Amino acid sequence: MPIAFLTLELHIEAAHSLKDKRQVVRSLKDCLRASFNVSVAELDSSGLWNRATIGVVSVSDSRDYLDGLMKNVERQATRIANNHGAEVTDSFSEYL
């Protein structure tokens, strides 16, 4: 049974404090969970207020389904981030 793991690196230019960062990250996590029924977590909770690393995980019987799902998640995450003054600077997928 394949497992897909997507890592998103964010640069949050609009954040001027950790509170601003948390608002963007929380919004992104909530929207992705609701839209795609995936598990989402902040992976690197560093003290930097303008950087964040988000992990997205899903399990399915089909690797093709997971590949399409992760591409859609990445597209949606980019849209959400842009709407909140952030940018997805890097992303990569792994399959186990």
N, C-alpha and C. Protein backbone atom coordinates (compact mmCIF):
# COMPACT_ATOMS: atom_id res chain seq x y z
N MET A 1 0.85 -1.17 0.00
CA MET A 1 0.00 0.00 0.00
C MET A 1 0.90 1.24 0.00
N PRO A 2 0.85 2.04 -1.05
CA PRO A 2 1.71 3.22 -1.16
C PRO A 2 1.31 4.35 -0.20
N ILE A 3 2.32 5.07 0.24
CA ILE A 3 2.15 6.25 1.09
C ILE A 3 2.84 7.41 0.38
N ALA A 4 2.14 8.52 0.25
CA ALA A 4 2.71 9.72 -0.38
C ALA A 4 3.00 10.76 0.68
N PHE A 5 4.17 11.37 0.57
CA PHE A 5 4.59 12.41 1.51
C PHE A 5 5.06 13.62 0.72
N LEU A 6 4.38 14.74 0.90
CA LEU A 6 4.71 15.99 0.20
C LEU A 6 5.25 16.98 1.21
N THR A 7 6.40 17.57 0.92
CA THR A 7 6.99 18.60 1.77
C THR A 7 6.94 19.93 1.04
N LEU A 8 6.43 20.94 1.73
CA LEU A 8 6.32 22.28 1.17
C LEU A 8 7.14 23.25 2.02
N GLU A 9 8.03 23.97 1.37
CA GLU A 9 8.81 25.02 2.04
C GLU A 9 8.15 26.35 1.74
N LEU A 10 7.82 27.11 2.77
CA LEU A 10 7.14 28.38 2.60
C LEU A 10 8.02 29.55 3.02
N HIS A 11 7.93 30.63 2.26
CA HIS A 11 8.51 31.91 2.66
C HIS A 11 7.33 32.84 2.85
N ILE A 12 7.16 33.33 4.07
CA ILE A 12 5.99 34.14 4.42
C ILE A 12 6.44 35.60 4.52
N GLU A 13 6.42 36.27 3.41
CA GLU A 13 6.92 37.64 3.35
C GLU A 13 6.03 38.61 4.13
N ALA A 14 4.75 38.33 4.19
CA ALA A 14 3.82 39.23 4.86
C ALA A 14 3.86 39.10 6.38
N ALA A 15 4.56 38.10 6.90
CA ALA A 15 4.61 37.89 8.35
C ALA A 15 5.62 38.83 8.99
N HIS A 16 5.17 39.50 10.04
CA HIS A 16 6.05 40.39 10.78
C HIS A 16 6.23 39.92 12.22
N SER A 17 5.62 38.77 12.54
CA SER A 17 5.75 38.19 13.87
C SER A 17 5.42 36.70 13.78
N LEU A 18 5.67 35.98 14.86
CA LEU A 18 5.31 34.56 14.90
C LEU A 18 3.80 34.37 14.84
N LYS A 19 3.06 35.34 15.36
CA LYS A 19 1.60 35.27 15.29
C LYS A 19 1.13 35.31 13.84
N ASP A 20 1.73 36.19 13.03
CA ASP A 20 1.39 36.25 11.60
C ASP A 20 1.72 34.94 10.91
N LYS A 21 2.87 34.37 11.25
CA LYS A 21 3.27 33.09 10.66
C LYS A 21 2.26 32.00 11.01
N ARG A 22 1.88 31.94 12.27
CA ARG A 22 0.92 30.90 12.72
C ARG A 22 -0.42 31.04 12.00
N GLN A 23 -0.86 32.27 11.74
CA GLN A 23 -2.13 32.46 11.03
C GLN A 23 -2.07 31.88 9.62
N VAL A 24 -0.98 32.13 8.92
CA VAL A 24 -0.82 31.62 7.56
C VAL A 24 -0.74 30.10 7.57
N VAL A 25 0.08 29.54 8.46
CA VAL A 25 0.27 28.10 8.52
C VAL A 25 -1.03 27.41 8.92
N ARG A 26 -1.73 27.93 9.92
CA ARG A 26 -2.99 27.33 10.36
C ARG A 26 -4.03 27.35 9.25
N SER A 27 -4.13 28.47 8.54
CA SER A 27 -5.08 28.58 7.44
C SER A 27 -4.76 27.57 6.34
N LEU A 28 -3.49 27.45 5.99
CA LEU A 28 -3.07 26.50 4.96
C LEU A 28 -3.39 25.07 5.38
N LYS A 29 -3.06 24.72 6.60
CA LYS A 29 -3.31 23.36 7.08
C LYS A 29 -4.80 23.04 7.09
N ASP A 30 -5.61 23.96 7.60
CA ASP A 30 -7.06 23.72 7.67
C ASP A 30 -7.69 23.57 6.29
N CYS A 31 -7.28 24.42 5.35
CA CYS A 31 -7.85 24.35 4.00
C CYS A 31 -7.46 23.05 3.30
N LEU A 32 -6.21 22.63 3.43
CA LEU A 32 -5.79 21.39 2.78
C LEU A 32 -6.48 20.18 3.38
N ARG A 33 -6.62 20.16 4.70
CA ARG A 33 -7.33 19.04 5.35
C ARG A 33 -8.77 18.96 4.87
N ALA A 34 -9.44 20.09 4.83
CA ALA A 34 -10.86 20.11 4.44
C ALA A 34 -11.05 19.77 2.97
N SER A 35 -10.16 20.24 2.11
CA SER A 35 -10.34 20.05 0.67
C SER A 35 -9.95 18.66 0.19
N PHE A 36 -8.91 18.06 0.80
CA PHE A 36 -8.35 16.83 0.26
C PHE A 36 -8.37 15.64 1.21
N ASN A 37 -8.82 15.81 2.44
CA ASN A 37 -8.83 14.73 3.42
C ASN A 37 -7.44 14.08 3.55
N VAL A 38 -6.44 14.92 3.78
CA VAL A 38 -5.06 14.48 3.96
C VAL A 38 -4.60 14.88 5.36
N SER A 39 -3.52 14.29 5.82
CA SER A 39 -2.91 14.69 7.08
C SER A 39 -1.89 15.78 6.81
N VAL A 40 -1.94 16.85 7.59
CA VAL A 40 -1.06 18.00 7.39
C VAL A 40 -0.47 18.41 8.73
N ALA A 41 0.83 18.71 8.73
CA ALA A 41 1.49 19.17 9.95
C ALA A 41 2.63 20.10 9.62
N GLU A 42 2.92 21.01 10.55
CA GLU A 42 4.11 21.83 10.42
C GLU A 42 5.29 21.01 10.90
N LEU A 43 6.30 20.85 10.06
CA LEU A 43 7.42 19.98 10.37
C LEU A 43 8.55 20.69 11.10
N ASP A 44 8.82 21.90 10.73
CA ASP A 44 9.95 22.62 11.31
C ASP A 44 9.40 23.86 11.99
N SER A 45 9.24 23.80 13.28
CA SER A 45 8.68 24.94 14.00
C SER A 45 9.79 25.82 14.55
N SER A 46 10.64 26.27 13.66
CA SER A 46 11.74 27.13 14.07
C SER A 46 11.21 28.49 14.50
N GLY A 47 12.05 29.25 15.14
CA GLY A 47 11.68 30.57 15.60
C GLY A 47 11.67 31.62 14.51
N LEU A 48 11.98 31.22 13.28
CA LEU A 48 11.95 32.18 12.18
C LEU A 48 10.51 32.49 11.80
N TRP A 49 10.15 33.75 11.81
CA TRP A 49 8.77 34.12 11.55
C TRP A 49 8.43 34.18 10.07
N ASN A 50 9.44 34.09 9.20
CA ASN A 50 9.13 34.19 7.77
C ASN A 50 9.38 32.89 7.01
N ARG A 51 9.61 31.79 7.69
CA ARG A 51 9.83 30.48 7.06
C ARG A 51 8.99 29.41 7.76
N ALA A 52 8.51 28.45 6.96
CA ALA A 52 7.77 27.32 7.52
C ALA A 52 7.94 26.12 6.60
N THR A 53 7.90 24.93 7.19
CA THR A 53 7.93 23.68 6.44
C THR A 53 6.67 22.90 6.79
N ILE A 54 5.92 22.53 5.76
CA ILE A 54 4.65 21.82 5.93
C ILE A 54 4.77 20.43 5.32
N GLY A 55 4.28 19.42 6.02
CA GLY A 55 4.25 18.06 5.51
C GLY A 55 2.82 17.61 5.27
N VAL A 56 2.58 16.96 4.14
CA VAL A 56 1.26 16.45 3.77
C VAL A 56 1.41 14.96 3.47
N VAL A 57 0.55 14.13 4.07
CA VAL A 57 0.65 12.68 3.90
C VAL A 57 -0.72 12.10 3.55
N SER A 58 -0.69 11.09 2.66
CA SER A 58 -1.91 10.36 2.31
C SER A 58 -1.56 8.92 1.97
N VAL A 59 -2.53 8.03 2.16
CA VAL A 59 -2.37 6.60 1.87
C VAL A 59 -3.48 6.18 0.93
N SER A 60 -3.14 5.32 -0.04
CA SER A 60 -4.13 4.82 -0.99
C SER A 60 -3.66 3.50 -1.57
N ASP A 61 -4.55 2.82 -2.27
CA ASP A 61 -4.18 1.59 -2.97
C ASP A 61 -3.45 1.88 -4.27
N SER A 62 -3.61 3.09 -4.80
CA SER A 62 -3.08 3.41 -6.12
C SER A 62 -2.02 4.51 -6.05
N ARG A 63 -0.85 4.23 -6.56
CA ARG A 63 0.19 5.25 -6.60
C ARG A 63 -0.17 6.36 -7.59
N ASP A 64 -0.83 6.00 -8.68
CA ASP A 64 -1.26 7.01 -9.66
C ASP A 64 -2.22 8.02 -9.03
N TYR A 65 -3.14 7.50 -8.21
CA TYR A 65 -4.07 8.38 -7.50
C TYR A 65 -3.31 9.32 -6.58
N LEU A 66 -2.36 8.77 -5.82
CA LEU A 66 -1.57 9.58 -4.89
C LEU A 66 -0.75 10.64 -5.63
N ASP A 67 -0.20 10.28 -6.77
CA ASP A 67 0.58 11.24 -7.55
C ASP A 67 -0.29 12.42 -7.97
N GLY A 68 -1.47 12.14 -8.49
CA GLY A 68 -2.40 13.20 -8.88
C GLY A 68 -2.86 14.03 -7.69
N LEU A 69 -3.13 13.34 -6.58
CA LEU A 69 -3.57 14.03 -5.37
C LEU A 69 -2.51 15.00 -4.89
N MET A 70 -1.27 14.57 -4.83
CA MET A 70 -0.20 15.43 -4.33
C MET A 70 0.04 16.62 -5.27
N LYS A 71 -0.13 16.43 -6.56
CA LYS A 71 0.00 17.55 -7.50
C LYS A 71 -1.12 18.57 -7.26
N ASN A 72 -2.34 18.08 -7.02
CA ASN A 72 -3.46 18.97 -6.74
C ASN A 72 -3.27 19.69 -5.40
N VAL A 73 -2.77 18.98 -4.40
CA VAL A 73 -2.50 19.58 -3.10
C VAL A 73 -1.46 20.69 -3.24
N GLU A 74 -0.41 20.42 -4.01
CA GLU A 74 0.64 21.42 -4.21
C GLU A 74 0.09 22.67 -4.90
N ARG A 75 -0.75 22.47 -5.93
CA ARG A 75 -1.35 23.61 -6.64
C ARG A 75 -2.23 24.44 -5.70
N GLN A 76 -3.05 23.75 -4.92
CA GLN A 76 -3.95 24.45 -3.99
C GLN A 76 -3.15 25.15 -2.89
N ALA A 77 -2.11 24.51 -2.39
CA ALA A 77 -1.27 25.12 -1.36
C ALA A 77 -0.61 26.39 -1.89
N THR A 78 -0.19 26.38 -3.14
CA THR A 78 0.42 27.56 -3.74
C THR A 78 -0.59 28.70 -3.82
N ARG A 79 -1.83 28.38 -4.22
CA ARG A 79 -2.88 29.40 -4.28
C ARG A 79 -3.17 29.98 -2.90
N ILE A 80 -3.33 29.10 -1.91
CA ILE A 80 -3.65 29.55 -0.56
C ILE A 80 -2.52 30.41 -0.01
N ALA A 81 -1.29 29.96 -0.20
CA ALA A 81 -0.13 30.71 0.30
C ALA A 81 -0.08 32.10 -0.35
N ASN A 82 -0.27 32.16 -1.66
CA ASN A 82 -0.25 33.44 -2.35
C ASN A 82 -1.33 34.39 -1.85
N ASN A 83 -2.49 33.85 -1.53
CA ASN A 83 -3.59 34.67 -1.01
C ASN A 83 -3.29 35.23 0.39
N HIS A 84 -2.37 34.59 1.11
CA HIS A 84 -2.03 35.01 2.46
C HIS A 84 -0.66 35.69 2.53
N GLY A 85 -0.12 36.13 1.42
CA GLY A 85 1.14 36.84 1.41
C GLY A 85 2.35 35.96 1.59
N ALA A 86 2.24 34.69 1.19
CA ALA A 86 3.35 33.75 1.31
C ALA A 86 3.65 33.16 -0.06
N GLU A 87 4.74 32.40 -0.13
CA GLU A 87 5.15 31.78 -1.38
C GLU A 87 5.70 30.39 -1.10
N VAL A 88 5.32 29.42 -1.91
CA VAL A 88 5.90 28.08 -1.82
C VAL A 88 7.22 28.13 -2.58
N THR A 89 8.34 28.08 -1.85
CA THR A 89 9.64 28.22 -2.48
C THR A 89 10.19 26.89 -2.97
N ASP A 90 9.76 25.79 -2.36
CA ASP A 90 10.25 24.47 -2.76
C ASP A 90 9.22 23.43 -2.36
N SER A 91 9.16 22.36 -3.13
CA SER A 91 8.27 21.25 -2.78
C SER A 91 8.86 19.97 -3.37
N PHE A 92 8.67 18.88 -2.65
CA PHE A 92 9.09 17.59 -3.20
C PHE A 92 8.23 16.49 -2.61
N SER A 93 8.01 15.45 -3.42
CA SER A 93 7.18 14.32 -3.03
C SER A 93 8.03 13.07 -2.88
N GLU A 94 7.63 12.24 -1.94
CA GLU A 94 8.26 10.94 -1.73
C GLU A 94 7.15 9.90 -1.66
N TYR A 95 7.46 8.72 -2.12
CA TYR A 95 6.50 7.61 -2.07
C TYR A 95 7.15 6.42 -1.40
N LEU A 96 6.47 5.86 -0.44
CA LEU A 96 6.97 4.68 0.28
C LEU A 96 6.11 3.48 -0.05
